[in-house]
Amino acid sequence: MTRRSQRTRSAHSAPGPTGPVPAIPLQDANNGSHGEPTIGNLVKDATSQVSTLFRGEIALAKAELTQEAKKAGAGTGLLAVAGVMLLYTSLFFFIFLGALLMIWLPAWAAFGIVFLLLLFITIAAAVLGYVVFRRMRAPSKTIESVTSLKTVLPGQQQLDPIGSEHPQLPPVAGR
């Protein structure tokens, strides 16, 4: 062969695209031979729907707990404000009050009365903070939603609303 014929021949024998030629499918790739979804696709769909359901439950729990955390923050803030205000403003006010009472009473009695007043204010602030914390409530929407999951997922182990019961694992063989 001549050099020219070798070049022409190698140019014409270059390999084409490998693999099957892409085409538009005429039927749904998810369906079986009779046009019905396959078991694998049904399981995949059910798994994704359950996953979406649990993600929704988690989002609901986060939303409710965020609201309750804000209330807890407000209660904590009120207790902190009560403590700081008691420290800073009481110093000067109660010295003044003790000095004022010393006009009519001995010094020990005047400052004893001031001490009891301080104690009363401290207890009142603590009780108010406690009341704020007592008004916090459980995430009722999430608890209701989780308990309604029993109808969606039949045969599952029943859990209390918080989910503290864990399923028992079978014993390991050989131990």
N, C-alpha and C. Protein backbone atom coordinates (compact mmCIF):
# COMPACT_ATOMS: atom_id res chain seq x y z
N MET A 1 0.83 -1.18 0.00
CA MET A 1 0.00 0.00 0.00
C MET A 1 0.87 1.24 0.00
N THR A 2 0.33 2.25 -0.56
CA THR A 2 1.06 3.50 -0.57
C THR A 2 0.71 4.28 0.68
N ARG A 3 1.52 5.26 0.86
CA ARG A 3 1.28 6.09 2.05
C ARG A 3 -0.05 6.82 1.96
N ARG A 4 -0.40 7.26 0.80
CA ARG A 4 -1.65 7.98 0.64
C ARG A 4 -2.85 7.07 0.90
N SER A 5 -2.84 5.89 0.46
CA SER A 5 -3.96 4.98 0.68
C SER A 5 -4.04 4.58 2.16
N GLN A 6 -2.88 4.50 2.85
CA GLN A 6 -2.91 4.20 4.28
C GLN A 6 -3.56 5.35 5.05
N ARG A 7 -3.24 6.59 4.66
CA ARG A 7 -3.84 7.73 5.34
C ARG A 7 -5.35 7.78 5.10
N THR A 8 -5.77 7.53 3.89
CA THR A 8 -7.19 7.57 3.56
C THR A 8 -7.92 6.45 4.29
N ARG A 9 -7.33 5.29 4.29
CA ARG A 9 -7.95 4.15 4.94
C ARG A 9 -8.08 4.38 6.46
N SER A 10 -7.03 4.92 7.11
CA SER A 10 -7.10 5.15 8.55
C SER A 10 -8.09 6.26 8.88
N ALA A 11 -8.27 7.20 8.00
CA ALA A 11 -9.23 8.28 8.23
C ALA A 11 -10.65 7.74 8.15
N HIS A 12 -10.90 6.79 7.24
CA HIS A 12 -12.25 6.24 7.09
C HIS A 12 -12.57 5.18 8.13
N SER A 13 -11.58 4.59 8.76
CA SER A 13 -11.84 3.52 9.73
C SER A 13 -11.85 4.02 11.17
N ALA A 14 -11.92 5.32 11.37
CA ALA A 14 -11.97 5.87 12.73
C ALA A 14 -13.25 5.40 13.40
N PRO A 15 -13.16 5.00 14.66
CA PRO A 15 -14.35 4.49 15.34
C PRO A 15 -15.37 5.60 15.57
N GLY A 16 -16.65 5.23 15.50
CA GLY A 16 -17.75 6.17 15.71
C GLY A 16 -18.14 6.23 17.18
N PRO A 17 -19.29 6.80 17.47
CA PRO A 17 -19.73 6.89 18.86
C PRO A 17 -19.94 5.49 19.45
N THR A 18 -19.53 5.34 20.69
CA THR A 18 -19.67 4.04 21.33
C THR A 18 -20.98 3.98 22.10
N GLY A 19 -21.52 2.78 22.27
CA GLY A 19 -22.74 2.59 23.05
C GLY A 19 -23.97 2.78 22.20
N PRO A 20 -25.15 2.62 22.79
CA PRO A 20 -26.39 2.74 22.03
C PRO A 20 -26.67 4.19 21.64
N VAL A 21 -27.34 4.33 20.56
CA VAL A 21 -27.71 5.66 20.07
C VAL A 21 -28.85 6.18 20.94
N PRO A 22 -28.73 7.41 21.46
CA PRO A 22 -29.81 7.93 22.31
C PRO A 22 -31.10 8.09 21.52
N ALA A 23 -32.23 7.76 22.19
CA ALA A 23 -33.53 7.85 21.55
C ALA A 23 -34.55 8.30 22.57
N ILE A 24 -35.69 8.75 22.11
CA ILE A 24 -36.77 9.17 22.99
C ILE A 24 -37.57 7.91 23.35
N PRO A 25 -37.74 7.61 24.65
CA PRO A 25 -38.50 6.40 25.01
C PRO A 25 -39.98 6.58 24.69
N LEU A 26 -40.60 5.50 24.23
CA LEU A 26 -42.01 5.55 23.87
C LEU A 26 -42.91 5.15 25.03
N GLN A 27 -42.33 4.63 26.13
CA GLN A 27 -43.12 4.28 27.31
C GLN A 27 -42.39 4.76 28.55
N ASP A 28 -43.11 4.86 29.65
CA ASP A 28 -42.53 5.32 30.91
C ASP A 28 -41.50 4.31 31.40
N ALA A 29 -40.31 4.77 31.68
CA ALA A 29 -39.24 3.88 32.12
C ALA A 29 -39.51 3.31 33.50
N ASN A 30 -40.38 3.94 34.28
CA ASN A 30 -40.69 3.46 35.62
C ASN A 30 -41.73 2.35 35.62
N ASN A 31 -42.41 2.15 34.53
CA ASN A 31 -43.46 1.15 34.47
C ASN A 31 -42.92 -0.17 33.96
N GLY A 32 -43.60 -1.26 34.36
CA GLY A 32 -43.22 -2.59 33.91
C GLY A 32 -43.74 -2.84 32.50
N SER A 33 -43.77 -4.12 32.11
CA SER A 33 -44.16 -4.47 30.74
C SER A 33 -45.65 -4.25 30.49
N HIS A 34 -46.49 -4.26 31.53
CA HIS A 34 -47.93 -4.07 31.35
C HIS A 34 -48.36 -2.65 31.64
N GLY A 35 -47.43 -1.72 31.76
CA GLY A 35 -47.76 -0.33 32.01
C GLY A 35 -48.01 -0.01 33.47
N GLU A 36 -47.79 -0.96 34.37
CA GLU A 36 -47.98 -0.74 35.80
C GLU A 36 -46.62 -0.48 36.45
N PRO A 37 -46.60 0.30 37.52
CA PRO A 37 -45.32 0.56 38.19
C PRO A 37 -44.72 -0.74 38.75
N THR A 38 -43.42 -0.82 38.72
CA THR A 38 -42.74 -2.00 39.24
C THR A 38 -42.72 -1.95 40.77
N ILE A 39 -42.47 -3.08 41.39
CA ILE A 39 -42.42 -3.15 42.85
C ILE A 39 -41.29 -2.27 43.37
N GLY A 40 -40.17 -2.28 42.68
CA GLY A 40 -39.05 -1.44 43.09
C GLY A 40 -39.41 0.03 43.09
N ASN A 41 -40.15 0.47 42.07
CA ASN A 41 -40.56 1.88 42.01
C ASN A 41 -41.59 2.20 43.08
N LEU A 42 -42.49 1.25 43.38
CA LEU A 42 -43.46 1.47 44.45
C LEU A 42 -42.76 1.60 45.80
N VAL A 43 -41.77 0.74 46.04
CA VAL A 43 -41.02 0.81 47.30
C VAL A 43 -40.26 2.13 47.38
N LYS A 44 -39.65 2.54 46.26
CA LYS A 44 -38.91 3.80 46.23
C LYS A 44 -39.84 4.97 46.52
N ASP A 45 -41.03 4.98 45.91
CA ASP A 45 -41.99 6.05 46.16
C ASP A 45 -42.46 6.07 47.61
N ALA A 46 -42.75 4.89 48.15
CA ALA A 46 -43.19 4.81 49.55
C ALA A 46 -42.10 5.30 50.49
N THR A 47 -40.86 4.92 50.21
CA THR A 47 -39.74 5.35 51.04
C THR A 47 -39.59 6.86 51.00
N SER A 48 -39.69 7.44 49.82
CA SER A 48 -39.53 8.89 49.72
C SER A 48 -40.70 9.62 50.40
N GLN A 49 -41.91 9.05 50.33
CA GLN A 49 -43.05 9.68 50.99
C GLN A 49 -42.93 9.61 52.51
N VAL A 50 -42.47 8.47 53.04
CA VAL A 50 -42.27 8.35 54.48
C VAL A 50 -41.17 9.30 54.93
N SER A 51 -40.12 9.40 54.13
CA SER A 51 -39.03 10.32 54.45
C SER A 51 -39.53 11.76 54.48
N THR A 52 -40.35 12.13 53.51
CA THR A 52 -40.93 13.47 53.48
C THR A 52 -41.83 13.70 54.69
N LEU A 53 -42.59 12.69 55.07
CA LEU A 53 -43.46 12.79 56.23
C LEU A 53 -42.65 13.04 57.50
N PHE A 54 -41.58 12.29 57.69
CA PHE A 54 -40.76 12.48 58.89
C PHE A 54 -40.06 13.83 58.87
N ARG A 55 -39.61 14.28 57.71
CA ARG A 55 -39.00 15.61 57.63
C ARG A 55 -40.01 16.68 58.02
N GLY A 56 -41.25 16.51 57.60
CA GLY A 56 -42.30 17.45 57.97
C GLY A 56 -42.56 17.46 59.47
N GLU A 57 -42.55 16.27 60.08
CA GLU A 57 -42.73 16.18 61.53
C GLU A 57 -41.59 16.89 62.26
N ILE A 58 -40.39 16.71 61.79
CA ILE A 58 -39.23 17.36 62.42
C ILE A 58 -39.34 18.87 62.27
N ALA A 59 -39.77 19.33 61.11
CA ALA A 59 -39.92 20.78 60.90
C ALA A 59 -41.00 21.35 61.83
N LEU A 60 -42.09 20.61 62.02
CA LEU A 60 -43.14 21.06 62.93
C LEU A 60 -42.63 21.12 64.36
N ALA A 61 -41.89 20.10 64.76
CA ALA A 61 -41.33 20.09 66.12
C ALA A 61 -40.38 21.26 66.32
N LYS A 62 -39.55 21.53 65.31
CA LYS A 62 -38.61 22.66 65.42
C LYS A 62 -39.37 23.97 65.57
N ALA A 63 -40.44 24.14 64.79
CA ALA A 63 -41.20 25.39 64.84
C ALA A 63 -41.84 25.58 66.22
N GLU A 64 -42.44 24.51 66.75
CA GLU A 64 -43.08 24.64 68.06
C GLU A 64 -42.06 24.85 69.16
N LEU A 65 -40.96 24.12 69.11
CA LEU A 65 -39.96 24.25 70.16
C LEU A 65 -39.25 25.60 70.08
N THR A 66 -39.17 26.18 68.89
CA THR A 66 -38.59 27.51 68.76
C THR A 66 -39.45 28.54 69.50
N GLN A 67 -40.76 28.42 69.35
CA GLN A 67 -41.66 29.34 70.06
C GLN A 67 -41.51 29.19 71.57
N GLU A 68 -41.43 27.94 72.05
CA GLU A 68 -41.29 27.72 73.48
C GLU A 68 -39.92 28.18 73.97
N ALA A 69 -38.90 28.04 73.14
CA ALA A 69 -37.57 28.51 73.53
C ALA A 69 -37.56 30.03 73.66
N LYS A 70 -38.33 30.71 72.81
CA LYS A 70 -38.43 32.16 72.93
C LYS A 70 -39.07 32.56 74.26
N LYS A 71 -40.10 31.80 74.67
CA LYS A 71 -40.73 32.08 75.96
C LYS A 71 -39.75 31.82 77.10
N ALA A 72 -38.99 30.74 76.98
CA ALA A 72 -37.98 30.44 78.02
C ALA A 72 -36.93 31.54 78.06
N GLY A 73 -36.56 32.05 76.90
CA GLY A 73 -35.61 33.16 76.86
C GLY A 73 -36.17 34.41 77.51
N ALA A 74 -37.47 34.65 77.29
CA ALA A 74 -38.10 35.82 77.92
C ALA A 74 -38.13 35.65 79.44
N GLY A 75 -38.46 34.46 79.91
CA GLY A 75 -38.47 34.21 81.35
C GLY A 75 -37.08 34.36 81.96
N THR A 76 -36.09 33.83 81.27
CA THR A 76 -34.71 33.96 81.75
C THR A 76 -34.28 35.42 81.75
N GLY A 77 -34.65 36.13 80.71
CA GLY A 77 -34.31 37.55 80.63
C GLY A 77 -34.95 38.35 81.76
N LEU A 78 -36.21 38.03 82.07
CA LEU A 78 -36.88 38.73 83.17
C LEU A 78 -36.19 38.46 84.50
N LEU A 79 -35.79 37.21 84.71
CA LEU A 79 -35.08 36.90 85.95
C LEU A 79 -33.74 37.62 86.01
N ALA A 80 -33.04 37.69 84.89
CA ALA A 80 -31.75 38.37 84.86
C ALA A 80 -31.92 39.87 85.09
N VAL A 81 -32.92 40.46 84.45
CA VAL A 81 -33.19 41.89 84.65
C VAL A 81 -33.53 42.16 86.11
N ALA A 82 -34.34 41.28 86.69
CA ALA A 82 -34.70 41.46 88.10
C ALA A 82 -33.46 41.43 88.98
N GLY A 83 -32.57 40.51 88.70
CA GLY A 83 -31.34 40.42 89.50
C GLY A 83 -30.44 41.63 89.35
N VAL A 84 -30.25 42.06 88.11
CA VAL A 84 -29.36 43.21 87.87
C VAL A 84 -29.95 44.48 88.46
N MET A 85 -31.23 44.68 88.25
CA MET A 85 -31.87 45.87 88.81
C MET A 85 -31.83 45.86 90.33
N LEU A 86 -32.01 44.70 90.90
CA LEU A 86 -31.95 44.60 92.35
C LEU A 86 -30.57 44.99 92.87
N LEU A 87 -29.55 44.60 92.15
CA LEU A 87 -28.20 44.93 92.59
C LEU A 87 -27.89 46.42 92.47
N TYR A 88 -28.11 46.97 91.28
CA TYR A 88 -27.67 48.35 91.04
C TYR A 88 -28.54 49.41 91.72
N THR A 89 -29.83 49.31 91.54
CA THR A 89 -30.68 50.38 92.08
C THR A 89 -30.92 50.25 93.57
N SER A 90 -30.90 49.03 94.03
CA SER A 90 -31.20 48.84 95.45
C SER A 90 -30.12 49.40 96.37
N LEU A 91 -28.90 49.39 95.91
CA LEU A 91 -27.82 49.86 96.77
C LEU A 91 -28.11 51.27 97.29
N PHE A 92 -28.33 52.19 96.38
CA PHE A 92 -28.54 53.58 96.80
C PHE A 92 -29.91 53.79 97.44
N PHE A 93 -30.92 53.17 96.88
CA PHE A 93 -32.25 53.36 97.43
C PHE A 93 -32.35 52.81 98.85
N PHE A 94 -31.79 51.66 99.08
CA PHE A 94 -31.94 51.06 100.40
C PHE A 94 -31.04 51.70 101.46
N ILE A 95 -29.93 52.24 101.05
CA ILE A 95 -29.14 53.04 102.00
C ILE A 95 -29.94 54.29 102.39
N PHE A 96 -30.55 54.91 101.39
CA PHE A 96 -31.41 56.07 101.67
C PHE A 96 -32.56 55.69 102.59
N LEU A 97 -33.21 54.57 102.30
CA LEU A 97 -34.35 54.15 103.10
C LEU A 97 -33.94 53.84 104.54
N GLY A 98 -32.80 53.17 104.70
CA GLY A 98 -32.30 52.89 106.05
C GLY A 98 -31.99 54.16 106.81
N ALA A 99 -31.37 55.13 106.14
CA ALA A 99 -31.07 56.41 106.79
C ALA A 99 -32.35 57.16 107.15
N LEU A 100 -33.35 57.07 106.30
CA LEU A 100 -34.63 57.72 106.58
C LEU A 100 -35.31 57.09 107.79
N LEU A 101 -35.29 55.77 107.86
CA LEU A 101 -35.93 55.09 108.99
C LEU A 101 -35.17 55.32 110.30
N MET A 102 -33.88 55.64 110.20
CA MET A 102 -33.10 55.90 111.42
C MET A 102 -33.58 57.15 112.14
N ILE A 103 -34.38 57.98 111.49
CA ILE A 103 -34.94 59.17 112.14
C ILE A 103 -35.89 58.73 113.26
N TRP A 104 -36.67 57.68 113.03
CA TRP A 104 -37.68 57.24 113.99
C TRP A 104 -37.28 55.99 114.77
N LEU A 105 -36.35 55.19 114.21
CA LEU A 105 -35.98 53.90 114.82
C LEU A 105 -34.48 53.83 115.06
N PRO A 106 -34.06 52.91 115.90
CA PRO A 106 -32.61 52.69 116.02
C PRO A 106 -32.05 52.17 114.70
N ALA A 107 -30.76 52.31 114.48
CA ALA A 107 -30.13 51.93 113.21
C ALA A 107 -30.35 50.46 112.88
N TRP A 108 -30.21 49.58 113.88
CA TRP A 108 -30.38 48.15 113.60
C TRP A 108 -31.79 47.83 113.15
N ALA A 109 -32.79 48.46 113.69
CA ALA A 109 -34.18 48.21 113.30
C ALA A 109 -34.45 48.80 111.91
N ALA A 110 -33.90 49.97 111.64
CA ALA A 110 -34.11 50.60 110.33
C ALA A 110 -33.54 49.73 109.21
N PHE A 111 -32.30 49.28 109.40
CA PHE A 111 -31.69 48.46 108.35
C PHE A 111 -32.25 47.03 108.33
N GLY A 112 -32.81 46.56 109.44
CA GLY A 112 -33.52 45.27 109.45
C GLY A 112 -34.76 45.33 108.59
N ILE A 113 -35.48 46.43 108.68
CA ILE A 113 -36.67 46.62 107.84
C ILE A 113 -36.27 46.70 106.37
N VAL A 114 -35.18 47.38 106.07
CA VAL A 114 -34.69 47.48 104.69
C VAL A 114 -34.32 46.08 104.17
N PHE A 115 -33.69 45.28 105.02
CA PHE A 115 -33.32 43.92 104.62
C PHE A 115 -34.56 43.10 104.28
N LEU A 116 -35.60 43.18 105.10
CA LEU A 116 -36.83 42.43 104.83
C LEU A 116 -37.49 42.90 103.53
N LEU A 117 -37.42 44.18 103.26
CA LEU A 117 -37.95 44.70 102.00
C LEU A 117 -37.17 44.14 100.81
N LEU A 118 -35.84 44.09 100.93
CA LEU A 118 -35.01 43.50 99.88
C LEU A 118 -35.38 42.03 99.65
N LEU A 119 -35.56 41.31 100.72
CA LEU A 119 -35.91 39.90 100.63
C LEU A 119 -37.25 39.71 99.93
N PHE A 120 -38.23 40.57 100.25
CA PHE A 120 -39.54 40.49 99.61
C PHE A 120 -39.44 40.73 98.10
N ILE A 121 -38.68 41.73 97.69
CA ILE A 121 -38.53 42.03 96.25
C ILE A 121 -37.85 40.87 95.53
N THR A 122 -36.86 40.28 96.15
CA THR A 122 -36.16 39.14 95.54
C THR A 122 -37.11 37.96 95.34
N ILE A 123 -37.89 37.68 96.35
CA ILE A 123 -38.84 36.56 96.25
C ILE A 123 -39.90 36.85 95.19
N ALA A 124 -40.37 38.08 95.10
CA ALA A 124 -41.37 38.44 94.09
C ALA A 124 -40.82 38.25 92.68
N ALA A 125 -39.58 38.67 92.44
CA ALA A 125 -38.98 38.49 91.11
C ALA A 125 -38.81 37.01 90.78
N ALA A 126 -38.41 36.21 91.77
CA ALA A 126 -38.24 34.78 91.54
C ALA A 126 -39.58 34.11 91.23
N VAL A 127 -40.64 34.51 91.92
CA VAL A 127 -41.96 33.93 91.67
C VAL A 127 -42.44 34.32 90.28
N LEU A 128 -42.23 35.56 89.86
CA LEU A 128 -42.63 35.97 88.51
C LEU A 128 -41.89 35.16 87.45
N GLY A 129 -40.61 34.95 87.63
CA GLY A 129 -39.84 34.13 86.69
C GLY A 129 -40.35 32.70 86.66
N TYR A 130 -40.68 32.16 87.81
CA TYR A 130 -41.21 30.80 87.89
C TYR A 130 -42.55 30.70 87.16
N VAL A 131 -43.40 31.70 87.31
CA VAL A 131 -44.70 31.70 86.63
C VAL A 131 -44.51 31.70 85.12
N VAL A 132 -43.55 32.46 84.63
CA VAL A 132 -43.29 32.48 83.19
C VAL A 132 -42.88 31.09 82.71
N PHE A 133 -42.03 30.42 83.46
CA PHE A 133 -41.60 29.08 83.07
C PHE A 133 -42.75 28.08 83.16
N ARG A 134 -43.64 28.24 84.11
CA ARG A 134 -44.77 27.32 84.25
C ARG A 134 -45.76 27.47 83.11
N ARG A 135 -45.81 28.63 82.49
CA ARG A 135 -46.75 28.85 81.38
C ARG A 135 -46.28 28.19 80.09
N MET A 136 -45.05 27.74 80.07
CA MET A 136 -44.56 27.03 78.88
C MET A 136 -45.33 25.72 78.77
N ARG A 137 -45.60 25.31 77.55
CA ARG A 137 -46.36 24.08 77.37
C ARG A 137 -45.65 23.16 76.40
N ALA A 138 -46.06 21.93 76.39
CA ALA A 138 -45.46 20.93 75.52
C ALA A 138 -45.84 21.22 74.07
N PRO A 139 -45.05 20.76 73.10
CA PRO A 139 -45.38 20.98 71.68
C PRO A 139 -46.57 20.11 71.27
N SER A 140 -47.79 20.57 71.57
CA SER A 140 -48.99 19.76 71.41
C SER A 140 -49.27 19.38 69.96
N LYS A 141 -49.01 20.26 69.02
CA LYS A 141 -49.26 19.94 67.62
C LYS A 141 -48.37 18.80 67.16
N THR A 142 -47.12 18.82 67.58
CA THR A 142 -46.19 17.76 67.20
C THR A 142 -46.61 16.45 67.85
N ILE A 143 -46.98 16.47 69.11
CA ILE A 143 -47.41 15.25 69.79
C ILE A 143 -48.64 14.67 69.11
N GLU A 144 -49.60 15.52 68.76
CA GLU A 144 -50.80 15.06 68.08
C GLU A 144 -50.47 14.47 66.71
N SER A 145 -49.58 15.11 66.00
CA SER A 145 -49.20 14.64 64.68
C SER A 145 -48.47 13.31 64.74
N VAL A 146 -47.59 13.15 65.73
CA VAL A 146 -46.85 11.90 65.86
C VAL A 146 -47.79 10.76 66.25
N THR A 147 -48.75 11.03 67.11
CA THR A 147 -49.69 9.98 67.48
C THR A 147 -50.59 9.60 66.31
N SER A 148 -50.85 10.52 65.40
CA SER A 148 -51.66 10.19 64.23
C SER A 148 -50.87 9.39 63.20
N LEU A 149 -49.56 9.29 63.37
CA LEU A 149 -48.75 8.49 62.45
C LEU A 149 -49.09 7.00 62.56
N LYS A 150 -49.70 6.58 63.66
CA LYS A 150 -50.06 5.18 63.82
C LYS A 150 -51.00 4.74 62.70
N THR A 151 -51.86 5.63 62.24
CA THR A 151 -52.77 5.28 61.16
C THR A 151 -52.07 5.24 59.82
N VAL A 152 -51.02 6.01 59.68
CA VAL A 152 -50.28 6.04 58.41
C VAL A 152 -49.34 4.85 58.32
N LEU A 153 -48.72 4.47 59.43
CA LEU A 153 -47.76 3.37 59.46
C LEU A 153 -48.29 2.26 60.36
N PRO A 154 -49.22 1.44 59.86
CA PRO A 154 -49.78 0.39 60.71
C PRO A 154 -48.72 -0.67 61.04
N GLY A 155 -48.88 -1.27 62.21
CA GLY A 155 -47.97 -2.34 62.61
C GLY A 155 -46.70 -1.86 63.26
N GLN A 156 -46.52 -0.56 63.37
CA GLN A 156 -45.32 -0.03 64.00
C GLN A 156 -45.49 -0.10 65.51
N GLN A 157 -44.37 -0.20 66.23
CA GLN A 157 -44.42 -0.21 67.69
C GLN A 157 -44.96 1.13 68.17
N GLN A 158 -45.89 1.08 69.14
CA GLN A 158 -46.48 2.31 69.64
C GLN A 158 -45.49 3.01 70.55
N LEU A 159 -45.31 4.28 70.31
CA LEU A 159 -44.40 5.09 71.12
C LEU A 159 -45.22 6.12 71.87
N ASP A 160 -44.71 6.51 73.03
CA ASP A 160 -45.35 7.63 73.70
C ASP A 160 -45.02 8.88 72.89
N PRO A 161 -45.75 10.00 73.08
CA PRO A 161 -45.57 11.18 72.21
C PRO A 161 -44.14 11.69 72.14
N ILE A 162 -43.36 11.47 73.15
CA ILE A 162 -41.99 11.96 73.11
C ILE A 162 -41.09 10.93 72.45
N GLY A 163 -41.50 9.68 72.39
CA GLY A 163 -40.72 8.65 71.73
C GLY A 163 -39.62 8.08 72.60
N SER A 164 -39.85 8.00 73.91
CA SER A 164 -38.77 7.56 74.79
C SER A 164 -38.65 6.04 74.83
N GLU A 165 -39.67 5.31 74.37
CA GLU A 165 -39.55 3.86 74.33
C GLU A 165 -38.81 3.47 73.06
N HIS A 166 -37.75 2.73 73.23
CA HIS A 166 -36.98 2.28 72.08
C HIS A 166 -37.28 0.81 71.83
N PRO A 167 -37.38 0.39 70.58
CA PRO A 167 -37.62 -1.02 70.32
C PRO A 167 -36.44 -1.85 70.81
N GLN A 168 -36.76 -3.02 71.35
CA GLN A 168 -35.72 -3.90 71.86
C GLN A 168 -35.08 -4.65 70.71
N LEU A 169 -33.77 -4.73 70.73
CA LEU A 169 -33.03 -5.48 69.73
C LEU A 169 -33.00 -6.95 70.13
N PRO A 170 -33.04 -7.86 69.16
CA PRO A 170 -32.96 -9.27 69.52
C PRO A 170 -31.58 -9.58 70.08
N PRO A 171 -31.47 -10.60 70.95
CA PRO A 171 -30.16 -10.94 71.52
C PRO A 171 -29.21 -11.42 70.43
N VAL A 172 -27.94 -11.13 70.62
CA VAL A 172 -26.92 -11.54 69.66
C VAL A 172 -26.60 -13.00 69.89
N ALA A 173 -26.58 -13.80 68.83
CA ALA A 173 -26.30 -15.23 68.95
C ALA A 173 -24.84 -15.44 69.34
N GLY A 174 -24.60 -16.42 70.22
CA GLY A 174 -23.23 -16.76 70.60
C GLY A 174 -22.73 -15.98 71.80
N ARG A 175 -23.53 -15.16 72.40
CA ARG A 175 -23.08 -14.39 73.57
C ARG A 175 -23.80 -14.82 74.80
